[in-house]
Every structure is written in structure tokens, then in C-alpha cells.
Protein backbone atom coordinates (compact mmCIF):
# COMPACT_ATOMS: atom_id res chain seq x y z
CA UNK A 1 36.79 -61.53 14.18
CA UNK A 2 37.97 -60.99 10.61
CA UNK A 3 40.05 -57.85 10.24
CA UNK A 4 38.71 -55.30 7.77
CA UNK A 5 42.23 -54.24 6.74
CA UNK A 6 44.11 -57.52 6.26
CA UNK A 7 41.20 -59.96 5.92
CA UNK A 8 42.68 -62.40 8.44
CA UNK A 9 41.20 -63.79 11.61
CA UNK A 10 42.60 -62.11 14.70
CA UNK A 11 42.00 -60.71 18.15
CA UNK A 12 41.12 -57.03 18.53
CA UNK A 13 43.70 -54.61 19.92
CA UNK A 14 43.89 -53.99 23.64
CA UNK A 15 41.38 -51.18 24.39
CA UNK A 16 44.02 -49.35 26.43
CA UNK A 17 46.20 -49.03 23.31
CA UNK A 18 43.45 -47.44 21.19
CA UNK A 19 43.87 -43.72 21.83
CA UNK A 20 40.55 -42.66 20.37
CA UNK A 21 37.18 -42.34 22.07
CA UNK A 22 33.54 -42.99 21.34
CA UNK A 23 32.19 -44.67 18.23
CA UNK A 24 35.54 -44.66 16.42
CA UNK A 25 37.24 -46.61 19.22
CA UNK A 26 34.36 -49.10 19.27
CA UNK A 27 34.63 -49.53 15.51
CA UNK A 28 38.38 -50.18 15.75
CA UNK A 29 37.71 -52.81 18.44
CA UNK A 30 35.12 -54.55 16.25
CA UNK A 31 36.85 -54.38 12.86
CA UNK A 32 40.65 -54.30 13.27
CA UNK A 33 43.09 -56.98 14.46
CA UNK A 34 45.90 -56.30 16.91
CA UNK A 35 48.55 -56.85 14.22
CA UNK A 36 47.16 -54.11 11.97
CA UNK A 37 46.70 -51.84 14.97
CA UNK A 38 50.37 -52.31 15.87
CA UNK A 39 51.29 -51.31 12.29
CA UNK A 40 49.15 -48.18 12.67
CA UNK A 41 50.95 -47.27 15.90
CA UNK A 42 54.20 -47.08 13.95
CA UNK A 43 52.63 -44.96 11.21
CA UNK A 44 50.81 -42.79 13.77
CA UNK A 45 54.09 -41.38 15.07
CA UNK A 46 55.12 -40.45 11.54
CA UNK A 47 51.78 -38.73 10.87
CA UNK A 48 52.00 -36.75 14.11
CA UNK A 49 55.54 -35.62 13.32
CA UNK A 50 54.96 -34.96 9.62
CA UNK A 51 51.96 -32.70 10.20
CA UNK A 52 53.21 -31.38 13.56
CA UNK A 53 49.91 -32.22 15.17
CA UNK A 54 48.98 -30.55 18.44
CA UNK A 55 46.30 -32.44 20.36
CA UNK A 56 45.01 -29.28 22.00
CA UNK A 57 43.61 -28.43 18.54
CA UNK A 58 40.35 -30.29 17.73
CA UNK A 59 41.08 -30.15 13.98
CA UNK A 60 44.45 -31.84 14.55
CA UNK A 61 42.79 -34.68 16.49
CA UNK A 62 40.34 -35.04 13.62
CA UNK A 63 43.19 -35.17 11.09
CA UNK A 64 44.80 -38.01 13.04
CA UNK A 65 41.50 -39.91 13.28
CA UNK A 66 41.00 -39.57 9.52
CA UNK A 67 44.56 -40.72 8.80
CA UNK A 68 43.94 -43.72 11.04
CA UNK A 69 40.67 -44.59 9.28
CA UNK A 70 42.36 -44.28 5.89
CA UNK A 71 45.33 -46.46 6.91
CA UNK A 72 43.08 -49.14 8.41
CA UNK A 73 40.70 -49.05 5.41
CA UNK A 74 37.74 -48.28 7.64
CA UNK A 75 34.67 -46.34 6.71
CA UNK A 76 34.51 -43.34 9.02
CA UNK A 77 32.42 -43.78 12.14
CA UNK A 78 29.69 -41.27 12.78
């Protein structure tokens, strides 16, 4: 698989490490390599802390998903 973010050949991230569900998780598995996903995991913590995201709030989960899609240069999944 060629990663959509870095353009290199690579294996997808471990599904257990992808903390999203549904079509977005499937899209990550199909389009993103494990190296870029590991980079996102480092940025993810910063995004959560910067915006003080609370996962009990649906809009906060959506903000994190959008930040992830932007970082990974993915078109948003339906």
C-alpha cells in the first residue's frame, strides 16, 4: 500500500492503535502507513491538550477526527 501522506510504500497501522470507528478507521487502514500513524499519535496528544477535548462531547470527537484527517492529508470519510 502506498501511503497517502508520505507517498511511500508501507504497512497499515495496527487496527488496535486506530482509535476511530467506522468508515474513517477503514480509510486510515487503507490509505495511511504505520510510520505516519505513529507521527499522528504524537500530534494527537498535543491536539487533545491544546483544545482540552472531552470525549464525552460528540463535537470534541469530531474535532479530533478532523484534525487527524488534516494531519494525514486525507479527504474526509463520509
